[in-house]
Amino acid sequence: MPRFSANLSMLFGEHEFLDRFDAAARAGFKGVEYIGPYDHAPDAVAARLKKNGLTQVLFNLPAGDWGKGERGIAVLPDRVPEFRQGIAKAITYAQALGCQQVNCLAGIAPAGA
């Protein structure tokens, strides 16, 4: 039997982010994923997971400026220090959330690369 997680970046958009955990649990989901948790403190996200009996399945490393169209920075040689900081940040969140999978969005290679 397939198991699906609720992508809280895409589902339950009528709710604020942290309230989407409640909505996912009410809808019967057991696991959640999303683009990134970084606008919220790890303990606040962990509390919503625990309150709702949800498993954190996946989230992405910091991906640069999403609003400006960046979809990852791993491919950008001039962003190595920022990428490394993002790895450390993602590990902190993953540990706090009990998440065993973190996705790395490579990004868009610069022209001529």
N, C-alpha and C. Protein backbone atom coordinates (compact mmCIF):
# COMPACT_ATOMS: atom_id res chain seq x y z
N MET A 1 0.85 -1.18 0.00
CA MET A 1 0.00 0.00 0.00
C MET A 1 0.89 1.24 0.00
N PRO A 2 0.73 2.14 -0.96
CA PRO A 2 1.53 3.36 -0.98
C PRO A 2 1.25 4.23 0.24
N ARG A 3 2.29 4.94 0.64
CA ARG A 3 2.13 5.93 1.71
C ARG A 3 2.51 7.28 1.13
N PHE A 4 1.72 8.29 1.46
CA PHE A 4 1.96 9.63 0.95
C PHE A 4 2.15 10.59 2.11
N SER A 5 3.04 11.54 1.91
CA SER A 5 3.18 12.62 2.90
C SER A 5 2.53 13.87 2.33
N ALA A 6 2.08 14.71 3.21
CA ALA A 6 1.48 15.98 2.80
C ALA A 6 2.59 17.00 2.57
N ASN A 7 2.65 17.57 1.38
CA ASN A 7 3.61 18.63 1.12
C ASN A 7 2.97 19.94 1.57
N LEU A 8 3.40 20.43 2.71
CA LEU A 8 2.78 21.60 3.31
C LEU A 8 3.11 22.90 2.59
N SER A 9 4.03 22.86 1.64
CA SER A 9 4.27 24.03 0.78
C SER A 9 3.19 24.14 -0.28
N MET A 10 2.55 23.01 -0.58
CA MET A 10 1.56 22.97 -1.66
C MET A 10 0.13 22.78 -1.16
N LEU A 11 -0.03 22.13 -0.03
CA LEU A 11 -1.37 21.80 0.49
C LEU A 11 -1.75 22.71 1.66
N PHE A 12 -3.01 22.86 1.86
CA PHE A 12 -3.57 23.59 3.01
C PHE A 12 -3.13 25.05 3.04
N GLY A 13 -3.02 25.65 1.85
CA GLY A 13 -2.59 27.03 1.73
C GLY A 13 -3.51 28.05 2.37
N GLU A 14 -4.70 27.63 2.74
CA GLU A 14 -5.62 28.54 3.43
C GLU A 14 -5.21 28.76 4.88
N HIS A 15 -4.21 27.99 5.35
CA HIS A 15 -3.73 28.10 6.73
C HIS A 15 -2.31 28.68 6.75
N GLU A 16 -1.97 29.32 7.85
CA GLU A 16 -0.57 29.71 8.08
C GLU A 16 0.27 28.44 8.16
N PHE A 17 1.56 28.55 7.90
CA PHE A 17 2.41 27.37 7.79
C PHE A 17 2.29 26.43 9.00
N LEU A 18 2.46 26.93 10.20
CA LEU A 18 2.43 26.03 11.36
C LEU A 18 1.06 25.39 11.57
N ASP A 19 0.01 26.05 11.14
CA ASP A 19 -1.33 25.47 11.26
C ASP A 19 -1.59 24.38 10.21
N ARG A 20 -0.75 24.33 9.20
CA ARG A 20 -0.90 23.29 8.18
C ARG A 20 -0.61 21.89 8.74
N PHE A 21 0.20 21.81 9.79
CA PHE A 21 0.47 20.52 10.43
C PHE A 21 -0.82 19.95 11.01
N ASP A 22 -1.59 20.81 11.66
CA ASP A 22 -2.88 20.40 12.23
C ASP A 22 -3.81 19.93 11.11
N ALA A 23 -3.86 20.68 10.02
CA ALA A 23 -4.73 20.34 8.89
C ALA A 23 -4.32 19.01 8.27
N ALA A 24 -3.03 18.78 8.13
CA ALA A 24 -2.55 17.52 7.56
C ALA A 24 -2.95 16.33 8.43
N ALA A 25 -2.81 16.48 9.73
CA ALA A 25 -3.20 15.40 10.64
C ALA A 25 -4.70 15.15 10.56
N ARG A 26 -5.49 16.21 10.53
CA ARG A 26 -6.94 16.05 10.43
C ARG A 26 -7.34 15.35 9.13
N ALA A 27 -6.55 15.56 8.08
CA ALA A 27 -6.83 14.94 6.79
C ALA A 27 -6.34 13.49 6.72
N GLY A 28 -5.69 13.03 7.79
CA GLY A 28 -5.27 11.64 7.85
C GLY A 28 -3.83 11.36 7.46
N PHE A 29 -3.06 12.39 7.17
CA PHE A 29 -1.66 12.18 6.83
C PHE A 29 -0.86 11.82 8.08
N LYS A 30 0.16 10.98 7.90
CA LYS A 30 1.05 10.59 8.99
C LYS A 30 2.43 11.24 8.86
N GLY A 31 2.74 11.72 7.66
CA GLY A 31 4.03 12.35 7.40
C GLY A 31 3.86 13.65 6.64
N VAL A 32 4.85 14.54 6.79
CA VAL A 32 4.83 15.83 6.10
C VAL A 32 6.19 16.13 5.49
N GLU A 33 6.15 16.96 4.46
CA GLU A 33 7.35 17.51 3.84
C GLU A 33 7.01 18.92 3.38
N TYR A 34 8.03 19.68 3.01
CA TYR A 34 7.83 21.04 2.53
C TYR A 34 9.15 21.54 1.99
N ILE A 35 9.11 22.70 1.34
CA ILE A 35 10.32 23.26 0.74
C ILE A 35 11.38 23.51 1.81
N GLY A 36 11.03 24.22 2.85
CA GLY A 36 12.00 24.48 3.92
C GLY A 36 11.32 25.05 5.15
N PRO A 37 11.85 24.73 6.32
CA PRO A 37 11.26 25.19 7.58
C PRO A 37 11.88 26.47 8.12
N TYR A 38 12.76 27.08 7.39
CA TYR A 38 13.69 28.06 7.95
C TYR A 38 13.09 29.38 8.42
N ASP A 39 11.85 29.63 8.11
CA ASP A 39 11.19 30.85 8.61
C ASP A 39 10.64 30.66 10.02
N HIS A 40 10.81 29.45 10.56
CA HIS A 40 10.27 29.12 11.89
C HIS A 40 11.35 28.43 12.71
N ALA A 41 11.33 28.66 14.01
CA ALA A 41 12.32 28.04 14.90
C ALA A 41 12.14 26.53 14.90
N PRO A 42 13.24 25.78 14.98
CA PRO A 42 13.14 24.32 14.98
C PRO A 42 12.21 23.78 16.07
N ASP A 43 12.25 24.39 17.25
CA ASP A 43 11.40 23.88 18.34
C ASP A 43 9.92 24.12 18.06
N ALA A 44 9.58 25.20 17.35
CA ALA A 44 8.18 25.47 17.01
C ALA A 44 7.66 24.44 16.02
N VAL A 45 8.48 24.09 15.04
CA VAL A 45 8.09 23.08 14.06
C VAL A 45 8.00 21.71 14.74
N ALA A 46 8.99 21.39 15.57
CA ALA A 46 8.99 20.11 16.28
C ALA A 46 7.76 19.96 17.16
N ALA A 47 7.34 21.05 17.78
CA ALA A 47 6.15 21.00 18.64
C ALA A 47 4.90 20.65 17.83
N ARG A 48 4.79 21.19 16.62
CA ARG A 48 3.63 20.87 15.78
C ARG A 48 3.67 19.41 15.32
N LEU A 49 4.85 18.92 15.00
CA LEU A 49 4.97 17.51 14.64
C LEU A 49 4.50 16.63 15.79
N LYS A 50 5.02 16.91 16.97
CA LYS A 50 4.69 16.10 18.15
C LYS A 50 3.21 16.19 18.49
N LYS A 51 2.67 17.40 18.51
CA LYS A 51 1.26 17.62 18.84
C LYS A 51 0.34 16.77 17.95
N ASN A 52 0.73 16.63 16.69
CA ASN A 52 -0.12 15.95 15.71
C ASN A 52 0.30 14.53 15.39
N GLY A 53 1.34 14.03 16.06
CA GLY A 53 1.80 12.67 15.81
C GLY A 53 2.29 12.46 14.39
N LEU A 54 2.92 13.49 13.83
CA LEU A 54 3.40 13.44 12.45
C LEU A 54 4.89 13.14 12.38
N THR A 55 5.30 12.53 11.28
CA THR A 55 6.70 12.29 10.99
C THR A 55 7.18 13.30 9.96
N GLN A 56 8.33 13.89 10.23
CA GLN A 56 8.95 14.78 9.24
C GLN A 56 9.68 13.90 8.24
N VAL A 57 9.22 13.88 7.00
CA VAL A 57 9.75 12.98 5.99
C VAL A 57 10.92 13.61 5.24
N LEU A 58 10.81 14.89 4.89
CA LEU A 58 11.78 15.51 4.00
C LEU A 58 11.64 17.02 4.02
N PHE A 59 12.74 17.71 3.84
CA PHE A 59 12.72 19.14 3.50
C PHE A 59 14.01 19.43 2.74
N ASN A 60 14.10 20.60 2.15
CA ASN A 60 15.25 20.97 1.33
C ASN A 60 16.29 21.76 2.12
N LEU A 61 17.53 21.66 1.66
CA LEU A 61 18.56 22.58 2.13
C LEU A 61 18.13 24.00 1.76
N PRO A 62 18.65 25.01 2.45
CA PRO A 62 18.36 26.38 2.00
C PRO A 62 18.73 26.51 0.51
N ALA A 63 17.82 27.10 -0.24
CA ALA A 63 17.95 27.10 -1.70
C ALA A 63 18.23 28.47 -2.29
N GLY A 64 18.73 29.40 -1.50
CA GLY A 64 18.96 30.74 -2.01
C GLY A 64 17.69 31.57 -1.91
N ASP A 65 17.57 32.55 -2.77
CA ASP A 65 16.42 33.45 -2.74
C ASP A 65 15.32 32.91 -3.65
N TRP A 66 14.39 32.18 -3.04
CA TRP A 66 13.31 31.53 -3.78
C TRP A 66 12.48 32.57 -4.54
N GLY A 67 12.23 33.71 -3.92
CA GLY A 67 11.42 34.76 -4.54
C GLY A 67 12.05 35.34 -5.80
N LYS A 68 13.37 35.25 -5.91
CA LYS A 68 14.07 35.74 -7.10
C LYS A 68 14.34 34.63 -8.11
N GLY A 69 13.73 33.47 -7.87
CA GLY A 69 13.86 32.38 -8.83
C GLY A 69 15.00 31.41 -8.57
N GLU A 70 15.76 31.61 -7.51
CA GLU A 70 16.83 30.65 -7.22
C GLU A 70 16.20 29.34 -6.76
N ARG A 71 16.76 28.24 -7.24
CA ARG A 71 16.26 26.91 -6.89
C ARG A 71 17.41 26.02 -6.45
N GLY A 72 18.23 26.58 -5.58
CA GLY A 72 19.41 25.88 -5.09
C GLY A 72 20.66 26.66 -5.42
N ILE A 73 21.69 26.43 -4.62
CA ILE A 73 22.94 27.17 -4.83
C ILE A 73 24.15 26.24 -4.91
N ALA A 74 23.94 24.94 -4.86
CA ALA A 74 25.06 23.99 -4.86
C ALA A 74 25.92 24.10 -6.11
N VAL A 75 25.34 24.48 -7.23
CA VAL A 75 26.04 24.55 -8.51
C VAL A 75 26.82 25.86 -8.68
N LEU A 76 26.65 26.79 -7.77
CA LEU A 76 27.23 28.13 -7.92
C LEU A 76 28.55 28.24 -7.15
N PRO A 77 29.69 28.28 -7.85
CA PRO A 77 30.98 28.28 -7.17
C PRO A 77 31.20 29.47 -6.24
N ASP A 78 30.60 30.60 -6.55
CA ASP A 78 30.80 31.78 -5.69
C ASP A 78 29.90 31.75 -4.45
N ARG A 79 29.09 30.72 -4.29
CA ARG A 79 28.18 30.62 -3.14
C ARG A 79 28.56 29.48 -2.20
N VAL A 80 29.77 28.93 -2.33
CA VAL A 80 30.20 27.80 -1.50
C VAL A 80 30.08 28.09 -0.01
N PRO A 81 30.55 29.25 0.49
CA PRO A 81 30.40 29.50 1.93
C PRO A 81 28.93 29.49 2.39
N GLU A 82 28.05 30.09 1.60
CA GLU A 82 26.62 30.11 1.93
C GLU A 82 26.04 28.68 1.90
N PHE A 83 26.46 27.89 0.92
CA PHE A 83 26.01 26.51 0.81
C PHE A 83 26.43 25.72 2.05
N ARG A 84 27.67 25.89 2.46
CA ARG A 84 28.15 25.18 3.66
C ARG A 84 27.38 25.59 4.91
N GLN A 85 27.10 26.87 5.03
CA GLN A 85 26.28 27.33 6.17
C GLN A 85 24.89 26.71 6.11
N GLY A 86 24.36 26.58 4.91
CA GLY A 86 23.05 25.97 4.73
C GLY A 86 23.03 24.51 5.15
N ILE A 87 24.11 23.80 4.88
CA ILE A 87 24.20 22.40 5.32
C ILE A 87 24.15 22.32 6.83
N ALA A 88 24.92 23.17 7.50
CA ALA A 88 24.91 23.17 8.97
C ALA A 88 23.52 23.51 9.51
N LYS A 89 22.87 24.47 8.90
CA LYS A 89 21.53 24.86 9.34
C LYS A 89 20.54 23.71 9.13
N ALA A 90 20.61 23.06 7.98
CA ALA A 90 19.71 21.95 7.69
C ALA A 90 19.92 20.80 8.67
N ILE A 91 21.16 20.53 9.03
CA ILE A 91 21.45 19.46 10.00
C ILE A 91 20.82 19.80 11.34
N THR A 92 20.93 21.05 11.76
CA THR A 92 20.31 21.48 13.02
C THR A 92 18.81 21.22 12.99
N TYR A 93 18.16 21.61 11.92
CA TYR A 93 16.72 21.38 11.79
C TYR A 93 16.40 19.89 11.72
N ALA A 94 17.16 19.14 10.92
CA ALA A 94 16.89 17.71 10.77
C ALA A 94 16.98 16.99 12.11
N GLN A 95 17.97 17.34 12.91
CA GLN A 95 18.10 16.71 14.23
C GLN A 95 16.93 17.08 15.13
N ALA A 96 16.54 18.34 15.12
CA ALA A 96 15.44 18.79 15.97
C ALA A 96 14.11 18.17 15.54
N LEU A 97 13.95 17.90 14.26
CA LEU A 97 12.69 17.40 13.72
C LEU A 97 12.67 15.89 13.54
N GLY A 98 13.79 15.23 13.83
CA GLY A 98 13.86 13.79 13.64
C GLY A 98 13.75 13.39 12.18
N CYS A 99 14.24 14.24 11.31
CA CYS A 99 14.13 14.02 9.86
C CYS A 99 15.39 13.32 9.35
N GLN A 100 15.19 12.24 8.62
CA GLN A 100 16.32 11.47 8.12
C GLN A 100 16.66 11.75 6.66
N GLN A 101 15.87 12.59 6.00
CA GLN A 101 16.12 12.89 4.59
C GLN A 101 16.07 14.40 4.36
N VAL A 102 17.15 14.91 3.77
CA VAL A 102 17.20 16.31 3.39
C VAL A 102 17.59 16.36 1.91
N ASN A 103 16.87 17.13 1.14
CA ASN A 103 17.09 17.22 -0.30
C ASN A 103 17.96 18.44 -0.62
N CYS A 104 18.89 18.24 -1.54
CA CYS A 104 19.73 19.34 -2.01
C CYS A 104 19.31 19.73 -3.43
N LEU A 105 18.75 20.92 -3.57
CA LEU A 105 18.44 21.45 -4.89
C LEU A 105 19.74 22.02 -5.47
N ALA A 106 20.18 21.49 -6.60
CA ALA A 106 21.46 21.89 -7.16
C ALA A 106 21.47 23.35 -7.59
N GLY A 107 20.39 23.81 -8.16
CA GLY A 107 20.34 25.16 -8.67
C GLY A 107 20.46 25.18 -10.18
N ILE A 108 20.57 26.36 -10.72
CA ILE A 108 20.65 26.56 -12.16
C ILE A 108 22.07 27.01 -12.49
N ALA A 109 22.75 26.23 -13.30
CA ALA A 109 24.14 26.55 -13.65
C ALA A 109 24.21 27.87 -14.40
N PRO A 110 25.24 28.67 -14.10
CA PRO A 110 25.41 29.93 -14.82
C PRO A 110 25.67 29.67 -16.31
N ALA A 111 25.31 30.62 -17.13
CA ALA A 111 25.55 30.50 -18.57
C ALA A 111 27.03 30.25 -18.82
N GLY A 112 27.32 29.31 -19.71
CA GLY A 112 28.69 29.01 -20.07
C GLY A 112 29.40 28.06 -19.13
N ALA A 113 28.72 27.60 -18.11
CA ALA A 113 29.36 26.69 -17.15
C ALA A 113 29.42 25.28 -17.69
